Amino acid sequence: MGRMSAPTAPPPLGDTGLWQAVMTAADDRCQCSGACGKSHAKDGDRCPREDGSHRTHGGGRVRLLAAPADPADLALPDHRAAALPPARLAAWCPTCHHAARTAARKSAAAAQPPAEPAALF
């Protein structure tokens, strides 16, 4: 599926060449295959949202994000995620990105050893 022809959304701020390369590799479709908690089974095991398409609920258009492809990398601080090479990025719709990032952060927090109690003396 190609890019929507009209109306064309403006490109994102930042490195538009990188964003365009990620979107082209993804065929302008969210690449989530379940990291968000949904199986996407009825859509071929991949989120059906495409860049520029209309949202199912809430109105407006879907604007895909270029973000880490590995769900574990979604828990990285923003400055480290921004330094990832293009091969480690994927297209995410905002809904899947938010859910997958929340799950990754919860998983990373659960993997941390418990903090030592503060000594009183």
Foldseek 3Di string as FASTA:
>chain_A
DADDDPPDDDADPDDSVLVVVQCVVVRQFAAQQQLLPDNCVVVVSGHGAGAQPFDPPDTDTWHKDWWFPDLLCLQPPPVVRVPDDSVRIHIHTPNSSVSSSVVNNVVVVVPDDDDDDDDPD
